[in-house]
Amino acid sequence: MNTRHYTLLILICSFLFVFAKLNVREEYVTYKGIARDLNSNKFYYSEEHKEKLENHVLQQTLIQYKDSAGTLMAKKFVDYSGNKVTPAFEQNDFRDGYTEGVSFAGNKLILKFRKNKKESLRTKSISIPENLVVDGGFNYYIKGNWTELAAGKRKVFNFAVPSQLDYFAFRLYKDSQNNDEIVFKLEPDNYILRKLVDPIRVTYKVTTKRIIKYEGLSNINDKKGKSYLVKIMYPKVGP
């Protein structure tokens, strides 16, 4: 290939790249969740979601957690562009330095965790297990298996747990259904762990397949570093 043909090829490729970018339609969807104590209904925090979509396909979500005064407590960035069931994410709590996250490098799953600013950040690289679900990816796992779950079939998957630098088998099944609301229950598949870990219940509106209520352990901690046990309501629209 002579220099002239090579230059022409570069120009064509550049044009196609610019044309493709111009045809990407970006959209942003925002909504809010209110987290309260599961039993007393005491207000704990609000979470403000901002989803970025390209041509109607979710790419990223930024979640900001704020206290009753509107002060930013923590922030989480989730990248769904690779796979919505196994997104990369990072969460940082500005109060105590709590950090957790998941990323990928080839066929490796990279987990990282720090309990607070007094500790060093710990990381671990492990082989990606089969049927993996990461963080908010459980929402899209449910949506992707909606028909079977709604029919009463139980699903088991490996859920990444950065705080343990590992993953664990969880089971998911329909807990109840009433008119346009359906509740799915998420809990450890291991019998002993089920006795130690609180289950999670997620309520969806059937017609929209979006979350309207979440009940269970929060990803936000109290002042003692222990996860809140919450009920999160999405009054207008949810994830």
C-alpha atoms as a PDB file:
ATOM      1  CA  MET A   1       0.000   0.000   0.000  1.00  0.00           C
ATOM      2  CA  ASN A   2       1.497   3.326  -1.061  1.00  0.00           C
ATOM      3  CA  THR A   3       1.461   6.476   1.046  1.00  0.00           C
ATOM      4  CA  ARG A   4      -1.473   7.988  -0.857  1.00  0.00           C
ATOM      5  CA  HIS A   5      -3.699   4.940  -0.341  1.00  0.00           C
ATOM      6  CA  TYR A   6      -2.710   4.724   3.311  1.00  0.00           C
ATOM      7  CA  THR A   7      -3.611   8.391   3.897  1.00  0.00           C
ATOM      8  CA  LEU A   8      -6.964   7.872   2.123  1.00  0.00           C
ATOM      9  CA  LEU A   9      -7.698   4.866   4.337  1.00  0.00           C
ATOM     10  CA  ILE A  10      -6.956   6.892   7.471  1.00  0.00           C
ATOM     11  CA  LEU A  11      -9.301   9.664   6.318  1.00  0.00           C
ATOM     12  CA  ILE A  12     -12.105   7.174   5.601  1.00  0.00           C
ATOM     13  CA  CYS A  13     -11.696   5.528   9.021  1.00  0.00           C
ATOM     14  CA  SER A  14     -11.690   8.911  10.732  1.00  0.00           C
ATOM     15  CA  PHE A  15     -14.857   9.910   8.874  1.00  0.00           C
ATOM     16  CA  LEU A  16     -16.623   6.684   9.842  1.00  0.00           C
ATOM     17  CA  PHE A  17     -15.620   7.154  13.497  1.00  0.00           C
ATOM     18  CA  VAL A  18     -16.931  10.730  13.587  1.00  0.00           C
ATOM     19  CA  PHE A  19     -20.118   9.674  11.767  1.00  0.00           C
ATOM     20  CA  ALA A  20     -20.717   6.891  14.299  1.00  0.00           C
ATOM     21  CA  LYS A  21     -20.212   9.288  17.224  1.00  0.00           C
ATOM     22  CA  LEU A  22     -22.616  11.795  15.692  1.00  0.00           C
ATOM     23  CA  ASN A  23     -25.265   9.108  15.449  1.00  0.00           C
ATOM     24  CA  VAL A  24     -25.023   8.204  19.152  1.00  0.00           C
ATOM     25  CA  ARG A  25     -27.985   9.664  20.961  1.00  0.00           C
ATOM     26  CA  GLU A  26     -27.278  10.306  24.634  1.00  0.00           C
ATOM     27  CA  GLU A  27     -30.086  10.442  27.180  1.00  0.00           C
ATOM     28  CA  TYR A  28     -30.115  10.935  30.930  1.00  0.00           C
ATOM     29  CA  VAL A  29     -32.668   9.531  33.361  1.00  0.00           C
ATOM     30  CA  THR A  30     -32.795  10.750  36.960  1.00  0.00           C
ATOM     31  CA  TYR A  31     -34.783   9.443  39.895  1.00  0.00           C
ATOM     32  CA  LYS A  32     -34.605   9.333  43.678  1.00  0.00           C
ATOM     33  CA  GLY A  33     -34.896   6.734  46.407  1.00  0.00           C
ATOM     34  CA  ILE A  34     -35.626   7.315  50.103  1.00  0.00           C
ATOM     35  CA  ALA A  35     -33.996   4.937  52.607  1.00  0.00           C
ATOM     36  CA  ARG A  36     -35.593   4.434  56.005  1.00  0.00           C
ATOM     37  CA  ASP A  37     -35.122   1.982  58.859  1.00  0.00           C
ATOM     38  CA  LEU A  38     -36.842  -1.273  57.949  1.00  0.00           C
ATOM     39  CA  ASN A  39     -38.654  -1.440  61.283  1.00  0.00           C
ATOM     40  CA  SER A  40     -38.959   2.075  62.763  1.00  0.00           C
ATOM     41  CA  ASN A  41     -39.258   3.959  59.442  1.00  0.00           C
ATOM     42  CA  LYS A  42     -36.595   6.432  60.631  1.00  0.00           C
ATOM     43  CA  PHE A  43     -35.046   8.406  57.756  1.00  0.00           C
ATOM     44  CA  TYR A  44     -31.452   7.410  56.986  1.00  0.00           C
ATOM     45  CA  TYR A  45     -30.528   8.895  53.612  1.00  0.00           C
ATOM     46  CA  SER A  46     -31.651   9.617  50.083  1.00  0.00           C
ATOM     47  CA  GLU A  47     -30.046   8.257  46.939  1.00  0.00           C
ATOM     48  CA  GLU A  48     -30.050  10.271  43.724  1.00  0.00           C
ATOM     49  CA  HIS A  49     -29.584   8.245  40.546  1.00  0.00           C
ATOM     50  CA  LYS A  50     -28.440   9.599  37.198  1.00  0.00           C
ATOM     51  CA  GLU A  51     -28.435   7.062  34.376  1.00  0.00           C
ATOM     52  CA  LYS A  52     -26.634   7.680  31.092  1.00  0.00           C
ATOM     53  CA  LEU A  53     -28.072   5.920  28.045  1.00  0.00           C
ATOM     54  CA  GLU A  54     -26.757   5.761  24.499  1.00  0.00           C
ATOM     55  CA  ASN A  55     -29.372   4.960  21.850  1.00  0.00           C
ATOM     56  CA  HIS A  56     -31.698   3.855  24.679  1.00  0.00           C
ATOM     57  CA  VAL A  57     -29.099   1.424  26.104  1.00  0.00           C
ATOM     58  CA  LEU A  58     -27.879   1.948  29.684  1.00  0.00           C
ATOM     59  CA  GLN A  59     -24.164   2.743  29.880  1.00  0.00           C
ATOM     60  CA  GLN A  60     -23.467   4.233  33.313  1.00  0.00           C
ATOM     61  CA  THR A  61     -25.134   5.171  36.564  1.00  0.00           C
ATOM     62  CA  LEU A  62     -23.963   7.718  39.131  1.00  0.00           C
ATOM     63  CA  ILE A  63     -25.563   7.423  42.579  1.00  0.00           C
ATOM     64  CA  GLN A  64     -25.142  10.114  45.231  1.00  0.00           C
ATOM     65  CA  TYR A  65     -26.139   9.348  48.827  1.00  0.00           C
ATOM     66  CA  LYS A  66     -27.190  12.309  50.961  1.00  0.00           C
ATOM     67  CA  ASP A  67     -28.216  12.766  54.600  1.00  0.00           C
ATOM     68  CA  SER A  68     -31.278  14.649  55.883  1.00  0.00           C
ATOM     69  CA  ALA A  69     -29.438  17.982  55.516  1.00  0.00           C
ATOM     70  CA  GLY A  70     -28.566  17.250  51.893  1.00  0.00           C
ATOM     71  CA  THR A  71     -24.884  16.683  52.645  1.00  0.00           C
ATOM     72  CA  LEU A  72     -23.156  14.228  50.331  1.00  0.00           C
ATOM     73  CA  MET A  73     -22.284  11.081  52.288  1.00  0.00           C
ATOM     74  CA  ALA A  74     -21.127   8.696  49.592  1.00  0.00           C
ATOM     75  CA  LYS A  75     -20.976   8.242  45.857  1.00  0.00           C
ATOM     76  CA  LYS A  76     -21.083   5.193  43.599  1.00  0.00           C
ATOM     77  CA  PHE A  77     -20.243   4.958  39.904  1.00  0.00           C
ATOM     78  CA  VAL A  78     -21.429   1.886  37.985  1.00  0.00           C
ATOM     79  CA  ASP A  79     -20.249   1.118  34.445  1.00  0.00           C
ATOM     80  CA  TYR A  80     -22.741  -1.104  32.612  1.00  0.00           C
ATOM     81  CA  SER A  81     -21.169  -0.659  29.167  1.00  0.00           C
ATOM     82  CA  GLY A  82     -19.412  -4.038  29.236  1.00  0.00           C
ATOM     83  CA  ASN A  83     -22.211  -6.178  30.653  1.00  0.00           C
ATOM     84  CA  LYS A  84     -25.263  -5.048  32.611  1.00  0.00           C
ATOM     85  CA  VAL A  85     -25.251  -8.174  34.812  1.00  0.00           C
ATOM     86  CA  THR A  86     -21.554  -7.842  35.660  1.00  0.00           C
ATOM     87  CA  PRO A  87     -20.851  -4.101  35.741  1.00  0.00           C
ATOM     88  CA  ALA A  88     -17.640  -2.590  37.033  1.00  0.00           C
ATOM     89  CA  PHE A  89     -18.250  -0.237  39.956  1.00  0.00           C
ATOM     90  CA  GLU A  90     -16.626   1.794  42.697  1.00  0.00           C
ATOM     91  CA  GLN A  91     -18.194   3.227  45.833  1.00  0.00           C
ATOM     92  CA  ASN A  92     -16.605   5.743  48.183  1.00  0.00           C
ATOM     93  CA  ASP A  93     -17.967   6.957  51.512  1.00  0.00           C
ATOM     94  CA  PHE A  94     -16.677  10.444  52.302  1.00  0.00           C
ATOM     95  CA  ARG A  95     -17.467  10.176  56.021  1.00  0.00           C
ATOM     96  CA  ASP A  96     -15.068   7.393  57.017  1.00  0.00           C
ATOM     97  CA  GLY A  97     -13.192   6.462  53.841  1.00  0.00           C
ATOM     98  CA  TYR A  98     -15.065   3.211  53.198  1.00  0.00           C
ATOM     99  CA  THR A  99     -14.266   1.987  49.683  1.00  0.00           C
ATOM    100  CA  GLU A 100     -15.327  -1.021  47.659  1.00  0.00           C
ATOM    101  CA  GLY A 101     -15.345  -1.929  44.014  1.00  0.00           C
ATOM    102  CA  VAL A 102     -15.153  -4.471  41.230  1.00  0.00           C
ATOM    103  CA  SER A 103     -13.300  -4.301  37.929  1.00  0.00           C
ATOM    104  CA  PHE A 104     -12.197  -6.763  35.257  1.00  0.00           C
ATOM    105  CA  ALA A 105      -8.891  -7.557  33.579  1.00  0.00           C
ATOM    106  CA  GLY A 106      -9.127 -10.229  30.907  1.00  0.00           C
ATOM    107  CA  ASN A 107     -10.526 -13.353  32.550  1.00  0.00           C
ATOM    108  CA  LYS A 108      -9.871 -12.013  36.040  1.00  0.00           C
ATOM    109  CA  LEU A 109     -12.245 -10.448  38.546  1.00  0.00           C
ATOM    110  CA  ILE A 110     -10.581  -7.697  40.590  1.00  0.00           C
ATOM    111  CA  LEU A 111     -12.154  -6.998  43.982  1.00  0.00           C
ATOM    112  CA  LYS A 112     -11.100  -4.162  46.251  1.00  0.00           C
ATOM    113  CA  PHE A 113     -12.127  -3.120  49.739  1.00  0.00           C
ATOM    114  CA  ARG A 114     -11.215  -0.750  52.545  1.00  0.00           C
ATOM    115  CA  LYS A 115     -13.312  -0.536  55.705  1.00  0.00           C
ATOM    116  CA  ASN A 116     -12.193   2.990  56.600  1.00  0.00           C
ATOM    117  CA  LYS A 117      -9.399   5.506  56.058  1.00  0.00           C
ATOM    118  CA  LYS A 118      -7.355   3.975  58.883  1.00  0.00           C
ATOM    119  CA  GLU A 119      -6.904   0.784  56.873  1.00  0.00           C
ATOM    120  CA  SER A 120      -5.032   0.088  53.657  1.00  0.00           C
ATOM    121  CA  LEU A 121      -6.923  -0.741  50.486  1.00  0.00           C
ATOM    122  CA  ARG A 122      -6.964  -4.496  49.906  1.00  0.00           C
ATOM    123  CA  THR A 123      -7.332  -6.056  46.469  1.00  0.00           C
ATOM    124  CA  LYS A 124      -7.668  -9.584  45.171  1.00  0.00           C
ATOM    125  CA  SER A 125      -7.617 -10.987  41.650  1.00  0.00           C
ATOM    126  CA  ILE A 126      -9.547 -14.220  41.047  1.00  0.00           C
ATOM    127  CA  SER A 127     -10.827 -16.159  38.061  1.00  0.00           C
ATOM    128  CA  ILE A 128     -14.272 -15.054  36.936  1.00  0.00           C
ATOM    129  CA  PRO A 129     -16.765 -17.691  38.110  1.00  0.00           C
ATOM    130  CA  GLU A 130     -19.628 -18.946  35.981  1.00  0.00           C
ATOM    131  CA  ASN A 131     -22.993 -17.219  36.282  1.00  0.00           C
ATOM    132  CA  LEU A 132     -21.530 -14.153  38.010  1.00  0.00           C
ATOM    133  CA  VAL A 133     -23.613 -11.170  39.153  1.00  0.00           C
ATOM    134  CA  VAL A 134     -22.074  -7.904  40.370  1.00  0.00           C
ATOM    135  CA  ASP A 135     -23.692  -5.167  42.474  1.00  0.00           C
ATOM    136  CA  GLY A 136     -26.673  -3.552  40.707  1.00  0.00           C
ATOM    137  CA  GLY A 137     -26.363  -6.211  38.028  1.00  0.00           C
ATOM    138  CA  PHE A 138     -28.752  -8.328  40.099  1.00  0.00           C
ATOM    139  CA  ASN A 139     -31.526  -6.005  38.876  1.00  0.00           C
ATOM    140  CA  TYR A 140     -30.723  -6.871  35.260  1.00  0.00           C
ATOM    141  CA  TYR A 141     -30.274 -10.535  36.126  1.00  0.00           C
ATOM    142  CA  ILE A 142     -33.858 -10.488  37.378  1.00  0.00           C
ATOM    143  CA  LYS A 143     -35.092  -8.692  34.269  1.00  0.00           C
ATOM    144  CA  GLY A 144     -33.193 -11.100  32.025  1.00  0.00           C
ATOM    145  CA  ASN A 145     -34.765 -14.108  33.763  1.00  0.00           C
ATOM    146  CA  TRP A 146     -38.134 -12.494  34.422  1.00  0.00           C
ATOM    147  CA  THR A 147     -40.382 -15.096  32.782  1.00  0.00           C
ATOM    148  CA  GLU A 148     -38.866 -18.056  34.632  1.00  0.00           C
ATOM    149  CA  LEU A 149     -38.699 -16.246  37.977  1.00  0.00           C
ATOM    150  CA  ALA A 150     -42.259 -14.965  37.699  1.00  0.00           C
ATOM    151  CA  ALA A 151     -43.361 -18.547  36.971  1.00  0.00           C
ATOM    152  CA  GLY A 152     -41.808 -19.668  40.254  1.00  0.00           C
ATOM    153  CA  LYS A 153     -38.458 -21.073  39.117  1.00  0.00           C
ATOM    154  CA  ARG A 154     -35.530 -20.663  41.520  1.00  0.00           C
ATOM    155  CA  LYS A 155     -32.224 -19.353  40.191  1.00  0.00           C
ATOM    156  CA  VAL A 156     -28.751 -19.698  41.758  1.00  0.00           C
ATOM    157  CA  PHE A 157     -25.847 -17.429  40.820  1.00  0.00           C
ATOM    158  CA  ASN A 158     -22.463 -16.297  42.138  1.00  0.00           C
ATOM    159  CA  PHE A 159     -22.627 -12.835  43.696  1.00  0.00           C
ATOM    160  CA  ALA A 160     -19.439 -10.773  44.054  1.00  0.00           C
ATOM    161  CA  VAL A 161     -18.870  -9.518  47.620  1.00  0.00           C
ATOM    162  CA  PRO A 162     -15.979  -6.990  47.664  1.00  0.00           C
ATOM    163  CA  SER A 163     -15.968  -6.711  51.475  1.00  0.00           C
ATOM    164  CA  GLN A 164     -14.972 -10.389  51.594  1.00  0.00           C
ATOM    165  CA  LEU A 165     -12.765 -10.196  48.488  1.00  0.00           C
ATOM    166  CA  ASP A 166     -14.687 -13.183  47.181  1.00  0.00           C
ATOM    167  CA  TYR A 167     -17.997 -14.347  45.743  1.00  0.00           C
ATOM    168  CA  PHE A 168     -20.760 -16.487  47.197  1.00  0.00           C
ATOM    169  CA  ALA A 169     -23.637 -18.513  45.787  1.00  0.00           C
ATOM    170  CA  PHE A 170     -27.007 -16.794  46.206  1.00  0.00           C
ATOM    171  CA  ARG A 171     -30.462 -18.011  45.322  1.00  0.00           C
ATOM    172  CA  LEU A 172     -33.272 -15.933  43.914  1.00  0.00           C
ATOM    173  CA  TYR A 173     -36.975 -16.717  43.678  1.00  0.00           C
ATOM    174  CA  LYS A 174     -40.442 -15.192  43.678  1.00  0.00           C
ATOM    175  CA  ASP A 175     -41.613 -14.468  47.205  1.00  0.00           C
ATOM    176  CA  SER A 176     -45.112 -13.167  46.458  1.00  0.00           C
ATOM    177  CA  GLN A 177     -47.255 -11.407  43.876  1.00  0.00           C
ATOM    178  CA  ASN A 178     -50.246  -9.112  44.218  1.00  0.00           C
ATOM    179  CA  ASN A 179     -51.878  -7.507  41.183  1.00  0.00           C
ATOM    180  CA  ASP A 180     -49.220  -5.305  39.530  1.00  0.00           C
ATOM    181  CA  GLU A 181     -46.531  -5.908  42.169  1.00  0.00           C
ATOM    182  CA  ILE A 182     -44.170  -8.873  42.372  1.00  0.00           C
ATOM    183  CA  VAL A 183     -41.608  -9.514  45.109  1.00  0.00           C
ATOM    184  CA  PHE A 184     -38.375 -11.428  44.555  1.00  0.00           C
ATOM    185  CA  LYS A 185     -36.273 -12.723  47.437  1.00  0.00           C
ATOM    186  CA  LEU A 186     -32.479 -12.891  47.386  1.00  0.00           C
ATOM    187  CA  GLU A 187     -30.549 -14.889  50.010  1.00  0.00           C
ATOM    188  CA  PRO A 188     -27.392 -17.015  50.381  1.00  0.00           C
ATOM    189  CA  ASP A 189     -27.732 -20.484  48.883  1.00  0.00           C
ATOM    190  CA  ASN A 190     -25.781 -21.956  51.787  1.00  0.00           C
ATOM    191  CA  TYR A 191     -28.051 -22.958  54.699  1.00  0.00           C
ATOM    192  CA  ILE A 192     -25.678 -21.730  57.428  1.00  0.00           C
ATOM    193  CA  LEU A 193     -25.121 -18.361  55.738  1.00  0.00           C
ATOM    194  CA  ARG A 194     -28.900 -17.929  55.382  1.00  0.00           C
ATOM    195  CA  LYS A 195     -29.104 -18.015  59.164  1.00  0.00           C
ATOM    196  CA  LEU A 196     -26.460 -15.297  59.465  1.00  0.00           C
ATOM    197  CA  VAL A 197     -27.304 -12.933  56.602  1.00  0.00           C
ATOM    198  CA  ASP A 198     -30.548 -10.974  56.302  1.00  0.00           C
ATOM    199  CA  PRO A 199     -32.465 -11.721  53.092  1.00  0.00           C
ATOM    200  CA  ILE A 200     -33.191  -9.046  50.509  1.00  0.00           C
ATOM    201  CA  ARG A 201     -36.659  -8.502  49.074  1.00  0.00           C
ATOM    202  CA  VAL A 202     -37.105  -6.435  45.942  1.00  0.00           C
ATOM    203  CA  THR A 203     -40.554  -5.331  44.803  1.00  0.00           C
ATOM    204  CA  TYR A 204     -41.142  -4.585  41.121  1.00  0.00           C
ATOM    205  CA  LYS A 205     -44.024  -3.068  39.253  1.00  0.00           C
ATOM    206  CA  VAL A 206     -44.919  -5.783  36.761  1.00  0.00           C
ATOM    207  CA  THR A 207     -45.971  -3.455  33.947  1.00  0.00           C
ATOM    208  CA  THR A 208     -42.701  -1.485  33.973  1.00  0.00           C
ATOM    209  CA  LYS A 209     -40.300  -4.108  35.415  1.00  0.00           C
ATOM    210  CA  ARG A 210     -38.730  -1.372  37.523  1.00  0.00           C
ATOM    211  CA  ILE A 211     -38.038  -1.482  41.256  1.00  0.00           C
ATOM    212  CA  ILE A 212     -40.482   0.335  43.517  1.00  0.00           C
ATOM    213  CA  LYS A 213     -39.196  -0.979  46.878  1.00  0.00           C
ATOM    214  CA  TYR A 214     -36.016  -2.562  48.245  1.00  0.00           C
ATOM    215  CA  GLU A 215     -35.868  -4.196  51.701  1.00  0.00           C
ATOM    216  CA  GLY A 216     -32.697  -5.530  53.286  1.00  0.00           C
ATOM    217  CA  LEU A 217     -29.062  -4.694  53.974  1.00  0.00           C
ATOM    218  CA  SER A 218     -27.915  -1.320  52.710  1.00  0.00           C
ATOM    219  CA  ASN A 219     -24.609  -0.586  51.012  1.00  0.00           C
ATOM    220  CA  ILE A 220     -24.359   2.459  53.313  1.00  0.00           C
ATOM    221  CA  ASN A 221     -23.065   2.053  56.874  1.00  0.00           C
ATOM    222  CA  ASP A 222     -24.025   3.709  60.137  1.00  0.00           C
ATOM    223  CA  LYS A 223     -21.511   5.590  62.323  1.00  0.00           C
ATOM    224  CA  LYS A 224     -20.257   2.294  63.756  1.00  0.00           C
ATOM    225  CA  GLY A 225     -19.459   0.903  60.317  1.00  0.00           C
ATOM    226  CA  LYS A 226     -22.377  -1.528  60.282  1.00  0.00           C
ATOM    227  CA  SER A 227     -24.739  -1.750  57.309  1.00  0.00           C
ATOM    228  CA  TYR A 228     -28.145  -0.190  57.774  1.00  0.00           C
ATOM    229  CA  LEU A 229     -31.154  -2.481  57.500  1.00  0.00           C
ATOM    230  CA  VAL A 230     -33.388  -0.443  55.236  1.00  0.00           C
ATOM    231  CA  LYS A 231     -36.526  -0.044  53.223  1.00  0.00           C
ATOM    232  CA  ILE A 232     -35.851   2.057  50.121  1.00  0.00           C
ATOM    233  CA  MET A 233     -38.859   3.464  48.312  1.00  0.00           C
ATOM    234  CA  TYR A 234     -38.798   4.891  44.788  1.00  0.00           C
ATOM    235  CA  PRO A 235     -41.874   7.155  44.667  1.00  0.00           C
ATOM    236  CA  LYS A 236     -41.797   7.973  40.934  1.00  0.00           C
ATOM    237  CA  VAL A 237     -39.492   5.558  39.138  1.00  0.00           C
ATOM    238  CA  GLY A 238     -36.777   3.151  40.218  1.00  0.00           C
ATOM    239  CA  PRO A 239     -33.857   1.222  38.723  1.00  0.00           C
END
